[in-house]
N, C-alpha and C. Protein backbone atom coordinates (compact mmCIF):
# COMPACT_ATOMS: atom_id res chain seq x y z
N UNK A 1 0.93 -1.16 -0.08
CA UNK A 1 0.09 -0.02 -0.17
C UNK A 1 0.67 1.14 -0.04
N UNK A 2 0.42 2.37 -0.91
CA UNK A 2 1.55 3.22 -0.93
C UNK A 2 1.01 4.23 -0.04
N UNK A 3 1.90 5.16 -0.02
CA UNK A 3 1.46 6.45 0.74
C UNK A 3 0.55 7.07 0.07
N UNK A 4 0.38 7.22 -1.28
CA UNK A 4 -0.61 7.83 -1.88
C UNK A 4 -1.92 7.32 -1.92
N UNK A 5 -1.90 5.87 -2.04
CA UNK A 5 -3.04 5.16 -1.74
C UNK A 5 -3.81 5.45 -0.68
N UNK A 6 -2.90 5.52 0.64
CA UNK A 6 -3.57 5.74 1.69
C UNK A 6 -4.17 6.98 2.02
N UNK A 7 -3.63 7.96 1.54
CA UNK A 7 -3.73 9.38 1.41
C UNK A 7 -5.26 9.71 0.37
N UNK A 8 -5.51 8.83 -0.29
CA UNK A 8 -6.71 8.81 -1.12
C UNK A 8 -7.76 8.28 -0.15
N UNK A 9 -7.58 7.32 0.46
CA UNK A 9 -8.44 6.63 1.09
C UNK A 9 -9.11 7.32 2.15
N UNK A 10 -7.81 7.97 2.96
CA UNK A 10 -7.97 9.23 4.26
C UNK A 10 -9.19 10.24 3.53
N UNK A 11 -8.63 10.73 2.24
CA UNK A 11 -9.63 11.67 1.86
C UNK A 11 -11.08 10.90 1.45
N UNK A 12 -11.10 9.77 1.04
CA UNK A 12 -12.47 9.02 0.89
C UNK A 12 -13.22 9.12 2.23
N UNK A 13 -12.41 8.69 3.36
CA UNK A 13 -13.08 8.79 4.53
C UNK A 13 -13.73 9.97 5.27
N UNK A 14 -13.01 11.07 4.72
CA UNK A 14 -13.29 12.54 5.31
C UNK A 14 -14.57 12.74 4.28
N UNK A 15 -14.73 12.50 3.19
CA UNK A 15 -16.04 12.82 2.59
C UNK A 15 -16.92 11.62 3.02
N UNK A 16 -16.56 10.56 3.34
CA UNK A 16 -17.87 9.90 4.11
C UNK A 16 -18.33 10.28 5.28
N UNK A 17 -17.50 10.71 5.92
CA UNK A 17 -17.73 11.40 7.35
C UNK A 17 -18.69 12.41 7.05
N UNK A 18 -18.22 13.44 6.29
CA UNK A 18 -18.97 14.64 6.11
C UNK A 18 -20.43 14.43 5.48
N UNK A 19 -20.39 13.49 4.82
CA UNK A 19 -21.74 13.01 4.19
C UNK A 19 -22.79 12.59 5.40
N UNK A 20 -21.88 11.93 6.33
CA UNK A 20 -22.82 11.12 7.11
C UNK A 20 -23.35 12.30 8.12
N UNK A 21 -22.63 13.64 8.27
CA UNK A 21 -23.21 14.69 9.29
C UNK A 21 -23.95 15.88 8.67
N UNK A 22 -23.61 15.80 7.34
CA UNK A 22 -24.30 16.95 6.58
C UNK A 22 -24.54 16.54 4.97
N UNK A 23 -25.15 17.71 4.78
CA UNK A 23 -25.63 17.62 3.13
C UNK A 23 -24.36 18.25 2.31
N UNK A 24 -23.80 17.52 1.71
CA UNK A 24 -22.65 18.24 0.69
C UNK A 24 -23.19 19.08 -0.38
N UNK A 25 -22.09 20.11 -0.63
CA UNK A 25 -22.64 20.96 -1.84
C UNK A 25 -21.98 20.15 -2.92
N UNK A 26 -22.53 20.76 -4.20
CA UNK A 26 -22.16 19.98 -5.57
C UNK A 26 -20.61 19.88 -5.70
N UNK A 27 -19.85 20.76 -5.40
CA UNK A 27 -18.76 20.70 -5.64
C UNK A 27 -17.81 19.69 -4.53
N UNK A 28 -18.45 19.51 -3.68
CA UNK A 28 -18.02 18.51 -2.77
C UNK A 28 -18.43 17.24 -3.07
N UNK A 29 -19.75 16.90 -3.57
CA UNK A 29 -20.27 15.96 -3.96
C UNK A 29 -19.31 15.16 -5.31
N UNK A 30 -18.93 16.26 -6.36
CA UNK A 30 -18.08 15.86 -7.30
C UNK A 30 -16.72 15.72 -6.91
N UNK A 31 -16.33 16.39 -6.38
CA UNK A 31 -14.73 16.09 -5.39
C UNK A 31 -14.93 14.37 -4.98
N UNK A 32 -15.49 14.21 -3.97
CA UNK A 32 -15.99 13.19 -3.28
C UNK A 32 -16.23 11.85 -4.20
N UNK A 33 -16.78 12.17 -5.32
CA UNK A 33 -17.20 10.94 -6.20
C UNK A 33 -15.65 10.63 -7.07
N UNK A 34 -15.03 11.61 -7.25
CA UNK A 34 -13.86 11.49 -8.13
C UNK A 34 -12.77 10.81 -7.11
N UNK A 35 -12.75 11.26 -5.68
CA UNK A 35 -11.77 10.59 -4.93
C UNK A 35 -12.26 9.27 -4.65
N UNK A 36 -13.44 8.78 -4.57
CA UNK A 36 -14.10 7.46 -4.43
C UNK A 36 -13.58 6.42 -5.76
N UNK A 37 -13.79 7.16 -6.85
CA UNK A 37 -13.59 6.49 -8.07
C UNK A 37 -11.77 6.50 -8.10
N UNK A 38 -10.97 7.32 -7.92
CA UNK A 38 -9.40 6.95 -7.70
C UNK A 38 -9.20 6.21 -6.56
N UNK A 39 -9.74 5.63 -5.52
CA UNK A 39 -9.80 4.68 -4.29
C UNK A 39 -9.94 3.63 -5.20
N UNK A 40 -11.14 3.26 -5.68
CA UNK A 40 -11.31 2.05 -6.47
C UNK A 40 -10.36 1.33 -7.43
N UNK A 41 -9.89 2.70 -8.38
CA UNK A 41 -8.90 2.27 -9.34
C UNK A 41 -7.33 1.90 -8.70
N UNK A 42 -7.26 2.67 -7.38
CA UNK A 42 -5.86 2.18 -7.12
C UNK A 42 -5.71 0.91 -6.61
N UNK A 43 -6.91 0.12 -6.59
CA UNK A 43 -6.86 -1.26 -6.13
C UNK A 43 -6.61 -2.39 -7.21
N UNK A 44 -6.53 -1.26 -8.61
CA UNK A 44 -6.64 -2.25 -10.05
C UNK A 44 -5.29 -1.81 -10.54
N UNK A 45 -4.09 -2.81 -10.50
CA UNK A 45 -3.08 -1.87 -11.37
C UNK A 45 -3.24 -2.50 -12.70
N UNK A 46 -4.16 -2.84 -13.31
CA UNK A 46 -4.13 -2.88 -14.61
C UNK A 46 -5.35 -2.02 -15.17
N UNK A 47 -5.55 -1.11 -14.72
CA UNK A 47 -6.53 0.15 -15.15
C UNK A 47 -6.20 1.27 -14.30
N UNK A 48 -5.96 2.33 -15.23
CA UNK A 48 -5.79 3.74 -14.67
C UNK A 48 -6.69 4.84 -14.92
N UNK A 49 -6.57 5.91 -14.57
CA UNK A 49 -7.50 6.92 -14.80
C UNK A 49 -7.90 7.14 -16.24
N UNK A 50 -7.05 7.10 -17.04
CA UNK A 50 -6.95 7.51 -18.52
C UNK A 50 -7.75 6.29 -19.43
N UNK A 51 -7.29 5.01 -18.85
CA UNK A 51 -7.92 3.81 -19.44
C UNK A 51 -9.37 3.97 -18.86
N UNK A 52 -9.99 4.39 -17.72
CA UNK A 52 -11.10 4.34 -17.15
C UNK A 52 -11.79 5.03 -17.75
N UNK A 53 -11.26 6.70 -18.39
CA UNK A 53 -12.10 7.38 -19.02
C UNK A 53 -12.59 7.32 -20.47
N UNK A 54 -11.83 6.01 -20.98
CA UNK A 54 -12.26 5.81 -22.15
C UNK A 54 -13.01 4.55 -22.51
N UNK A 55 -13.49 3.99 -21.51
CA UNK A 55 -14.11 2.86 -21.17
C UNK A 55 -15.74 3.22 -21.26
N UNK A 56 -16.20 1.95 -21.98
CA UNK A 56 -17.76 2.31 -21.84
C UNK A 56 -18.19 2.14 -20.68
N UNK A 57 -19.82 2.58 -20.40
CA UNK A 57 -20.25 2.18 -19.39
C UNK A 57 -20.38 0.82 -18.73
N UNK A 58 -20.87 0.02 -19.73
CA UNK A 58 -20.40 -1.48 -18.84
C UNK A 58 -19.15 -1.74 -18.51
N UNK A 59 -17.99 -1.28 -19.51
CA UNK A 59 -16.83 -1.61 -18.84
C UNK A 59 -16.40 -0.74 -17.54
N UNK A 60 -16.84 0.33 -17.24
CA UNK A 60 -16.57 1.41 -16.22
C UNK A 60 -17.37 0.21 -15.09
N UNK A 61 -18.65 -0.14 -15.25
CA UNK A 61 -19.79 -0.64 -14.01
C UNK A 61 -18.37 -2.42 -13.78
N UNK A 62 -17.84 -2.78 -14.66
CA UNK A 62 -16.93 -3.94 -14.32
C UNK A 62 -16.01 -3.52 -13.50
N UNK A 63 -15.26 -2.52 -14.04
CA UNK A 63 -14.14 -2.29 -13.29
C UNK A 63 -14.40 -1.58 -11.67
N UNK A 64 -15.29 -0.71 -11.59
CA UNK A 64 -15.91 -0.16 -10.30
C UNK A 64 -16.23 -1.49 -9.20
N UNK A 65 -16.95 -2.37 -10.00
CA UNK A 65 -17.15 -3.70 -9.03
C UNK A 65 -15.78 -4.11 -8.80
N UNK A 66 -14.86 -4.51 -9.63
CA UNK A 66 -13.69 -4.84 -9.11
C UNK A 66 -12.92 -4.46 -8.00
N UNK A 67 -13.08 -2.97 -8.46
CA UNK A 67 -12.27 -2.21 -7.36
C UNK A 67 -12.88 -2.13 -6.09
N UNK A 68 -14.29 -1.97 -5.92
CA UNK A 68 -14.72 -2.02 -4.91
C UNK A 68 -14.58 -3.22 -3.93
N UNK A 69 -14.59 -4.23 -4.62
CA UNK A 69 -14.31 -5.60 -4.30
C UNK A 69 -12.57 -5.64 -3.52
N UNK A 70 -11.80 -5.24 -3.96
CA UNK A 70 -10.58 -4.99 -3.76
C UNK A 70 -10.65 -4.28 -2.44
N UNK A 71 -11.13 -2.99 -2.45
CA UNK A 71 -11.26 -2.00 -1.37
C UNK A 71 -11.76 -3.04 -0.21
N UNK A 72 -13.02 -3.52 -0.50
CA UNK A 72 -13.71 -4.18 0.76
C UNK A 72 -12.61 -5.34 1.27
N UNK A 73 -12.13 -5.98 0.54
CA UNK A 73 -11.06 -7.22 0.74
C UNK A 73 -9.65 -6.18 1.78
N UNK A 74 -9.41 -5.19 1.28
CA UNK A 74 -8.26 -4.42 2.16
C UNK A 74 -8.95 -3.95 3.44
N UNK A 75 -10.01 -3.56 3.20
CA UNK A 75 -10.71 -2.95 4.89
C UNK A 75 -10.61 -4.33 5.58
N UNK A 76 -11.30 -5.45 5.21
CA UNK A 76 -11.62 -6.49 6.29
C UNK A 76 -10.11 -7.22 6.58
N UNK A 77 -8.90 -6.83 5.67
CA UNK A 77 -7.80 -7.34 6.04
C UNK A 77 -6.91 -6.38 6.94
N UNK A 78 -7.59 -5.10 7.26
CA UNK A 78 -7.06 -3.92 8.20
C UNK A 78 -7.91 -3.59 8.78
N UNK A 79 -8.47 -4.03 9.87
CA UNK A 79 -9.61 -3.66 10.66
C UNK A 79 -8.92 -2.57 11.38
N UNK A 80 -8.07 -2.52 11.95
CA UNK A 80 -7.14 -1.72 13.03
C UNK A 80 -6.96 -0.29 12.57
N UNK A 81 -6.42 -0.59 11.19
CA UNK A 81 -5.97 0.46 10.48
C UNK A 81 -7.36 1.76 9.77
N UNK A 82 -8.24 0.72 9.43
CA UNK A 82 -9.13 1.52 8.86
C UNK A 82 -9.96 2.15 10.12
N UNK A 83 -10.28 1.60 11.35
CA UNK A 83 -10.64 2.26 12.66
C UNK A 83 -9.94 3.19 12.95
N UNK A 84 -8.85 3.28 12.61
CA UNK A 84 -7.94 4.36 13.24
C UNK A 84 -8.22 5.71 11.98
N UNK A 85 -7.99 5.46 10.91
CA UNK A 85 -8.36 6.35 9.89
C UNK A 85 -9.99 6.99 9.76
N UNK A 86 -10.71 6.23 9.81
CA UNK A 86 -12.20 6.48 10.18
C UNK A 86 -12.18 7.34 11.44
N UNK A 87 -11.55 6.96 12.38
CA UNK A 87 -11.52 7.97 13.65
C UNK A 87 -11.03 9.35 13.39
N UNK A 88 -9.78 9.42 12.56
CA UNK A 88 -9.01 10.69 12.47
C UNK A 88 -9.85 11.40 11.39
N UNK A 89 -10.56 10.85 10.78
CA UNK A 89 -11.66 11.68 9.86
C UNK A 89 -12.66 12.16 10.74
N UNK A 90 -13.24 11.40 11.45
CA UNK A 90 -14.27 12.05 12.40
C UNK A 90 -13.91 13.26 13.18
N UNK A 91 -12.70 13.12 13.79
CA UNK A 91 -11.75 13.70 14.46
C UNK A 91 -11.44 15.58 13.73
N UNK A 92 -11.03 15.26 12.62
CA UNK A 92 -10.67 16.29 11.68
C UNK A 92 -12.08 16.90 11.59
N UNK A 93 -12.97 16.25 11.28
CA UNK A 93 -14.29 16.94 10.91
C UNK A 93 -14.84 17.78 12.22
N UNK A 94 -14.67 16.83 13.24
CA UNK A 94 -15.36 17.64 14.45
C UNK A 94 -14.59 18.76 15.04
N UNK A 95 -13.45 18.87 14.93
CA UNK A 95 -12.43 19.98 15.23
C UNK A 95 -12.54 21.13 14.30
N UNK A 96 -12.87 21.07 13.02
CA UNK A 96 -12.93 21.87 11.94
C UNK A 96 -14.25 22.46 11.62
N UNK A 97 -15.07 22.29 12.35
CA UNK A 97 -16.67 22.78 12.18
C UNK A 97 -17.19 22.60 10.88
N UNK A 98 -16.80 21.42 9.97
CA UNK A 98 -17.31 21.22 8.86
C UNK A 98 -18.20 20.17 8.88
C-alpha cells in the first residue's frame, strides 16, 4: 500500500464522514465522487484513470465492481488501520466545524 493510496483513502473517509453529518454541496459531491473512483482504481493495477475515462459504461461498471471488491478486501484485512483512519476523519471534521 503506497502513501498515495493511503492519502486517497483518508480523503475518502473524510468525504464519507462529512456526508454522514451534513448535506454536501455540488463541488464536494463531485470531488468525493472523483476521490472514490480513484480509491477503487488504486486497487486495480491493470486500470488507470486514462483507461477508465475511455471505457464504455459497461466496462466502467465492471471496473467499479472489481475495485470495490478489492477495497472491501483491504478493509477486511486491515480493521485496525481502517478504524484509526475513520476515527481521524471524524476528529478532523469535528474540530474543523465542517
